[in-house]
């Protein structure tokens, strides 16, 4: 970011960060939490889609 701002091309940041972590360990931990939550949501959605597809393939008599 500093190289872009020093280059004098007139580039300005669009926004400023809401929260800036104190250290690299905190930043990587927050990234890991974000990745885990995203994987959980994706896994849940794919599981729901697979379950719906399996329920559609199941004969009507087996559902009761």
PDB file of N, CA and C in Angstrom:
ATOM      1  N   UNK A   1       0.823  -1.186   0.000  1.00  0.00           N
ATOM      2  CA  UNK A   1       0.000   0.000   0.000  1.00  0.00           C
ATOM      3  C   UNK A   1       0.870   1.253   0.000  1.00  0.00           C
ATOM      4  N   UNK A   2       1.936   1.256   0.763  1.00  0.00           N
ATOM      5  CA  UNK A   2       2.786   2.447   0.813  1.00  0.00           C
ATOM      6  C   UNK A   2       3.449   2.700  -0.528  1.00  0.00           C
ATOM      7  N   UNK A   3       3.815   1.624  -1.267  1.00  0.00           N
ATOM      8  CA  UNK A   3       4.429   1.804  -2.580  1.00  0.00           C
ATOM      9  C   UNK A   3       3.450   2.458  -3.545  1.00  0.00           C
ATOM     10  N   UNK A   4       2.198   2.101  -3.477  1.00  0.00           N
ATOM     11  CA  UNK A   4       1.194   2.700  -4.357  1.00  0.00           C
ATOM     12  C   UNK A   4       1.003   4.170  -4.016  1.00  0.00           C
ATOM     13  N   UNK A   5       0.933   4.497  -2.730  1.00  0.00           N
ATOM     14  CA  UNK A   5       0.728   5.883  -2.324  1.00  0.00           C
ATOM     15  C   UNK A   5       1.953   6.745  -2.614  1.00  0.00           C
ATOM     16  N   UNK A   6       3.159   6.165  -2.556  1.00  0.00           N
ATOM     17  CA  UNK A   6       4.382   6.921  -2.823  1.00  0.00           C
ATOM     18  C   UNK A   6       4.633   7.108  -4.309  1.00  0.00           C
ATOM     19  N   UNK A   7       3.972   6.351  -5.152  1.00  0.00           N
ATOM     20  CA  UNK A   7       4.247   6.359  -6.586  1.00  0.00           C
ATOM     21  C   UNK A   7       3.740   7.623  -7.276  1.00  0.00           C
ATOM     22  N   UNK A   8       2.956   8.422  -6.610  1.00  0.00           N
ATOM     23  CA  UNK A   8       2.439   9.700  -7.125  1.00  0.00           C
ATOM     24  C   UNK A   8       1.584   9.542  -8.382  1.00  0.00           C
ATOM     25  N   UNK A   9       0.790   8.494  -8.433  1.00  0.00           N
ATOM     26  CA  UNK A   9      -0.155   8.312  -9.535  1.00  0.00           C
ATOM     27  C   UNK A   9      -1.518   8.873  -9.172  1.00  0.00           C
ATOM     28  N   UNK A  10      -1.631   9.456  -8.017  1.00  0.00           N
ATOM     29  CA  UNK A  10      -2.898   9.995  -7.592  1.00  0.00           C
ATOM     30  C   UNK A  10      -3.829   8.957  -6.996  1.00  0.00           C
ATOM     31  N   UNK A  11      -3.309   7.784  -6.679  1.00  0.00           N
ATOM     32  CA  UNK A  11      -4.146   6.729  -6.110  1.00  0.00           C
ATOM     33  C   UNK A  11      -4.424   7.036  -4.647  1.00  0.00           C
ATOM     34  N   UNK A  12      -5.696   6.967  -4.283  1.00  0.00           N
ATOM     35  CA  UNK A  12      -6.101   7.189  -2.903  1.00  0.00           C
ATOM     36  C   UNK A  12      -6.864   5.959  -2.413  1.00  0.00           C
ATOM     37  N   UNK A  13      -6.707   5.601  -1.144  1.00  0.00           N
ATOM     38  CA  UNK A  13      -7.471   4.454  -0.627  1.00  0.00           C
ATOM     39  C   UNK A  13      -8.965   4.759  -0.632  1.00  0.00           C
ATOM     40  N   UNK A  14      -9.773   3.749  -0.928  1.00  0.00           N
ATOM     41  CA  UNK A  14     -11.218   3.906  -0.979  1.00  0.00           C
ATOM     42  C   UNK A  14     -11.828   3.948   0.404  1.00  0.00           C
ATOM     43  N   UNK A  15     -11.236   3.233   1.348  1.00  0.00           N
ATOM     44  CA  UNK A  15     -11.774   3.160   2.703  1.00  0.00           C
ATOM     45  C   UNK A  15     -10.642   2.856   3.664  1.00  0.00           C
ATOM     46  N   UNK A  16     -10.910   3.014   4.928  1.00  0.00           N
ATOM     47  CA  UNK A  16      -9.935   2.664   5.956  1.00  0.00           C
ATOM     48  C   UNK A  16     -10.441   1.443   6.724  1.00  0.00           C
ATOM     49  N   UNK A  17      -9.540   0.635   7.269  1.00  0.00           N
ATOM     50  CA  UNK A  17      -9.967  -0.570   7.984  1.00  0.00           C
ATOM     51  C   UNK A  17     -10.803  -0.235   9.215  1.00  0.00           C
ATOM     52  N   UNK A  18     -11.798  -1.077   9.496  1.00  0.00           N
ATOM     53  CA  UNK A  18     -12.634  -0.898  10.676  1.00  0.00           C
ATOM     54  C   UNK A  18     -11.855  -1.313  11.915  1.00  0.00           C
ATOM     55  N   UNK A  19     -11.146  -2.434  11.813  1.00  0.00           N
ATOM     56  CA  UNK A  19     -10.389  -2.979  12.937  1.00  0.00           C
ATOM     57  C   UNK A  19      -9.018  -3.392  12.431  1.00  0.00           C
ATOM     58  N   UNK A  20      -7.981  -2.987  13.105  1.00  0.00           N
ATOM     59  CA  UNK A  20      -6.638  -3.381  12.735  1.00  0.00           C
ATOM     60  C   UNK A  20      -6.035  -4.167  13.891  1.00  0.00           C
ATOM     61  N   UNK A  21      -5.767  -5.479  13.696  1.00  0.00           N
ATOM     62  CA  UNK A  21      -5.254  -6.301  14.785  1.00  0.00           C
ATOM     63  C   UNK A  21      -3.887  -5.819  15.250  1.00  0.00           C
ATOM     64  N   UNK A  22      -3.609  -6.088  16.520  1.00  0.00           N
ATOM     65  CA  UNK A  22      -2.371  -5.617  17.123  1.00  0.00           C
ATOM     66  C   UNK A  22      -1.128  -6.335  16.652  1.00  0.00           C
ATOM     67  N   UNK A  23      -1.244  -7.624  16.264  1.00  0.00           N
ATOM     68  CA  UNK A  23      -0.056  -8.358  15.847  1.00  0.00           C
ATOM     69  C   UNK A  23      -0.407  -9.335  14.732  1.00  0.00           C
ATOM     70  N   UNK A  24       0.624  -9.929  14.162  1.00  0.00           N
ATOM     71  CA  UNK A  24       0.428 -10.890  13.089  1.00  0.00           C
ATOM     72  C   UNK A  24      -0.239 -12.165  13.561  1.00  0.00           C
ATOM     73  N   UNK A  25       0.013 -12.544  14.825  1.00  0.00           N
ATOM     74  CA  UNK A  25      -0.616 -13.753  15.364  1.00  0.00           C
ATOM     75  C   UNK A  25      -2.118 -13.579  15.471  1.00  0.00           C
ATOM     76  N   UNK A  26      -2.548 -12.424  15.914  1.00  0.00           N
ATOM     77  CA  UNK A  26      -3.985 -12.145  16.026  1.00  0.00           C
ATOM     78  C   UNK A  26      -4.615 -12.129  14.635  1.00  0.00           C
ATOM     79  N   UNK A  27      -3.925 -11.516  13.696  1.00  0.00           N
ATOM     80  CA  UNK A  27      -4.434 -11.442  12.327  1.00  0.00           C
ATOM     81  C   UNK A  27      -4.587 -12.828  11.717  1.00  0.00           C
ATOM     82  N   UNK A  28      -3.585 -13.696  11.897  1.00  0.00           N
ATOM     83  CA  UNK A  28      -3.691 -15.040  11.331  1.00  0.00           C
ATOM     84  C   UNK A  28      -4.751 -15.868  12.065  1.00  0.00           C
ATOM     85  N   UNK A  29      -4.912 -15.638  13.358  1.00  0.00           N
ATOM     86  CA  UNK A  29      -5.963 -16.332  14.097  1.00  0.00           C
ATOM     87  C   UNK A  29      -7.346 -15.935  13.627  1.00  0.00           C
ATOM     88  N   UNK A  30      -7.548 -14.649  13.397  1.00  0.00           N
ATOM     89  CA  UNK A  30      -8.834 -14.179  12.887  1.00  0.00           C
ATOM     90  C   UNK A  30      -9.102 -14.722  11.489  1.00  0.00           C
ATOM     91  N   UNK A  31      -8.058 -14.820  10.685  1.00  0.00           N
ATOM     92  CA  UNK A  31      -8.216 -15.386   9.345  1.00  0.00           C
ATOM     93  C   UNK A  31      -8.606 -16.853   9.432  1.00  0.00           C
ATOM     94  N   UNK A  32      -7.996 -17.592  10.361  1.00  0.00           N
ATOM     95  CA  UNK A  32      -8.330 -19.011  10.529  1.00  0.00           C
ATOM     96  C   UNK A  32      -9.773 -19.178  10.985  1.00  0.00           C
ATOM     97  N   UNK A  33     -10.233 -18.323  11.883  1.00  0.00           N
ATOM     98  CA  UNK A  33     -11.626 -18.385  12.338  1.00  0.00           C
ATOM     99  C   UNK A  33     -12.568 -18.092  11.180  1.00  0.00           C
ATOM    100  N   UNK A  34     -12.234 -17.087  10.389  1.00  0.00           N
ATOM    101  CA  UNK A  34     -13.054 -16.739   9.232  1.00  0.00           C
ATOM    102  C   UNK A  34     -13.099 -17.898   8.229  1.00  0.00           C
ATOM    103  N   UNK A  35     -11.968 -18.538   7.989  1.00  0.00           N
ATOM    104  CA  UNK A  35     -11.929 -19.671   7.062  1.00  0.00           C
ATOM    105  C   UNK A  35     -12.748 -20.840   7.594  1.00  0.00           C
ATOM    106  N   UNK A  36     -12.676 -21.097   8.896  1.00  0.00           N
ATOM    107  CA  UNK A  36     -13.439 -22.197   9.483  1.00  0.00           C
ATOM    108  C   UNK A  36     -14.939 -21.929   9.399  1.00  0.00           C
ATOM    109  N   UNK A  37     -15.358 -20.716   9.674  1.00  0.00           N
ATOM    110  CA  UNK A  37     -16.781 -20.372   9.573  1.00  0.00           C
ATOM    111  C   UNK A  37     -17.270 -20.505   8.125  1.00  0.00           C
ATOM    112  N   UNK A  38     -16.478 -20.042   7.194  1.00  0.00           N
ATOM    113  CA  UNK A  38     -16.849 -20.163   5.785  1.00  0.00           C
ATOM    114  C   UNK A  38     -16.949 -21.605   5.346  1.00  0.00           C
ATOM    115  N   UNK A  39     -16.010 -22.441   5.792  1.00  0.00           N
ATOM    116  CA  UNK A  39     -16.058 -23.858   5.449  1.00  0.00           C
ATOM    117  C   UNK A  39     -17.273 -24.523   6.086  1.00  0.00           C
ATOM    118  N   UNK A  40     -17.622 -24.129   7.296  1.00  0.00           N
ATOM    119  CA  UNK A  40     -18.798 -24.694   7.951  1.00  0.00           C
ATOM    120  C   UNK A  40     -20.079 -24.345   7.225  1.00  0.00           C
ATOM    121  N   UNK A  41     -20.207 -23.098   6.816  1.00  0.00           N
ATOM    122  CA  UNK A  41     -21.404 -22.662   6.082  1.00  0.00           C
ATOM    123  C   UNK A  41     -21.484 -23.371   4.734  1.00  0.00           C
ATOM    124  N   UNK A  42     -20.364 -23.470   4.050  1.00  0.00           N
ATOM    125  CA  UNK A  42     -20.347 -24.152   2.754  1.00  0.00           C
ATOM    126  C   UNK A  42     -20.685 -25.633   2.910  1.00  0.00           C
ATOM    127  N   UNK A  43     -20.116 -26.278   3.919  1.00  0.00           N
ATOM    128  CA  UNK A  43     -20.412 -27.683   4.166  1.00  0.00           C
ATOM    129  C   UNK A  43     -21.871 -27.909   4.511  1.00  0.00           C
ATOM    130  N   UNK A  44     -22.439 -27.029   5.320  1.00  0.00           N
ATOM    131  CA  UNK A  44     -23.855 -27.142   5.679  1.00  0.00           C
ATOM    132  C   UNK A  44     -24.737 -27.000   4.435  1.00  0.00           C
ATOM    133  N   UNK A  45     -24.443 -26.008   3.601  1.00  0.00           N
ATOM    134  CA  UNK A  45     -25.243 -25.779   2.397  1.00  0.00           C
ATOM    135  C   UNK A  45     -25.152 -26.967   1.443  1.00  0.00           C
ATOM    136  N   UNK A  46     -23.949 -27.496   1.250  1.00  0.00           N
ATOM    137  CA  UNK A  46     -23.803 -28.650   0.357  1.00  0.00           C
ATOM    138  C   UNK A  46     -24.499 -29.878   0.933  1.00  0.00           C
ATOM    139  N   UNK A  47     -24.452 -30.063   2.243  1.00  0.00           N
ATOM    140  CA  UNK A  47     -25.150 -31.176   2.875  1.00  0.00           C
ATOM    141  C   UNK A  47     -26.653 -31.064   2.715  1.00  0.00           C
ATOM    142  N   UNK A  48     -27.174 -29.858   2.855  1.00  0.00           N
ATOM    143  CA  UNK A  48     -28.612 -29.647   2.672  1.00  0.00           C
ATOM    144  C   UNK A  48     -29.029 -29.945   1.232  1.00  0.00           C
ATOM    145  N   UNK A  49     -28.244 -29.492   0.282  1.00  0.00           N
ATOM    146  CA  UNK A  49     -28.562 -29.751  -1.126  1.00  0.00           C
ATOM    147  C   UNK A  49     -28.509 -31.243  -1.434  1.00  0.00           C
ATOM    148  N   UNK A  50     -27.509 -31.931  -0.887  1.00  0.00           N
ATOM    149  CA  UNK A  50     -27.400 -33.372  -1.118  1.00  0.00           C
ATOM    150  C   UNK A  50     -28.565 -34.116  -0.467  1.00  0.00           C
ATOM    151  N   UNK A  51     -28.967 -33.690   0.719  1.00  0.00           N
ATOM    152  CA  UNK A  51     -30.102 -34.318   1.392  1.00  0.00           C
ATOM    153  C   UNK A  51     -31.398 -34.108   0.645  1.00  0.00           C
ATOM    154  N   UNK A  52     -31.592 -32.931   0.115  1.00  0.00           N
ATOM    155  CA  UNK A  52     -32.815 -32.671  -0.666  1.00  0.00           C
ATOM    156  C   UNK A  52     -32.844 -33.519  -1.933  1.00  0.00           C
ATOM    157  N   UNK A  53     -31.691 -33.637  -2.584  1.00  0.00           N
ATOM    158  CA  UNK A  53     -31.636 -34.441  -3.807  1.00  0.00           C
ATOM    159  C   UNK A  53     -31.908 -35.904  -3.491  1.00  0.00           C
ATOM    160  N   UNK A  54     -31.373 -36.405  -2.385  1.00  0.00           N
ATOM    161  CA  UNK A  54     -31.612 -37.804  -1.999  1.00  0.00           C
ATOM    162  C   UNK A  54     -33.078 -38.018  -1.649  1.00  0.00           C
ATOM    163  N   UNK A  55     -33.717 -37.033  -1.011  1.00  0.00           N
ATOM    164  CA  UNK A  55     -35.131 -37.154  -0.657  1.00  0.00           C
ATOM    165  C   UNK A  55     -36.011 -37.161  -1.900  1.00  0.00           C
ATOM    166  N   UNK A  56     -35.625 -36.436  -2.930  1.00  0.00           N
ATOM    167  CA  UNK A  56     -36.394 -36.429  -4.172  1.00  0.00           C
ATOM    168  C   UNK A  56     -36.299 -37.763  -4.905  1.00  0.00           C
ATOM    169  N   UNK A  57     -35.137 -38.437  -4.806  1.00  0.00           N
ATOM    170  CA  UNK A  57     -34.939 -39.716  -5.478  1.00  0.00           C
ATOM    171  C   UNK A  57     -35.609 -40.866  -4.743  1.00  0.00           C
ATOM    172  N   UNK A  58     -35.890 -40.667  -3.476  1.00  0.00           N
ATOM    173  CA  UNK A  58     -36.496 -41.715  -2.633  1.00  0.00           C
ATOM    174  C   UNK A  58     -37.955 -41.925  -3.029  1.00  0.00           C
ATOM    175  N   UNK A  59     -38.396 -43.190  -3.151  1.00  0.00           N
ATOM    176  CA  UNK A  59     -39.799 -43.431  -3.503  1.00  0.00           C
ATOM    177  C   UNK A  59     -40.753 -42.948  -2.396  1.00  0.00           C
ATOM    178  N   UNK A  60     -41.962 -42.649  -2.758  1.00  0.00           N
ATOM    179  CA  UNK A  60     -42.956 -42.110  -1.835  1.00  0.00           C
ATOM    180  C   UNK A  60     -43.266 -43.100  -0.697  1.00  0.00           C
ATOM    181  N   UNK A  61     -43.305 -44.393  -0.979  1.00  0.00           N
ATOM    182  CA  UNK A  61     -43.654 -45.379   0.038  1.00  0.00           C
ATOM    183  C   UNK A  61     -42.565 -45.505   1.118  1.00  0.00           C
ATOM    184  N   UNK A  62     -41.341 -45.234   0.787  1.00  0.00           N
ATOM    185  CA  UNK A  62     -40.256 -45.339   1.756  1.00  0.00           C
ATOM    186  C   UNK A  62     -40.224 -44.151   2.712  1.00  0.00           C
ATOM    187  N   UNK A  63     -40.845 -43.035   2.389  1.00  0.00           N
ATOM    188  CA  UNK A  63     -40.844 -41.842   3.228  1.00  0.00           C
ATOM    189  C   UNK A  63     -41.738 -41.978   4.439  1.00  0.00           C
ATOM    190  N   UNK A  64     -42.726 -42.821   4.395  1.00  0.00           N
ATOM    191  CA  UNK A  64     -43.711 -42.921   5.481  1.00  0.00           C
ATOM    192  C   UNK A  64     -43.289 -43.841   6.561  1.00  0.00           C
TER     193      UNK A  64
END
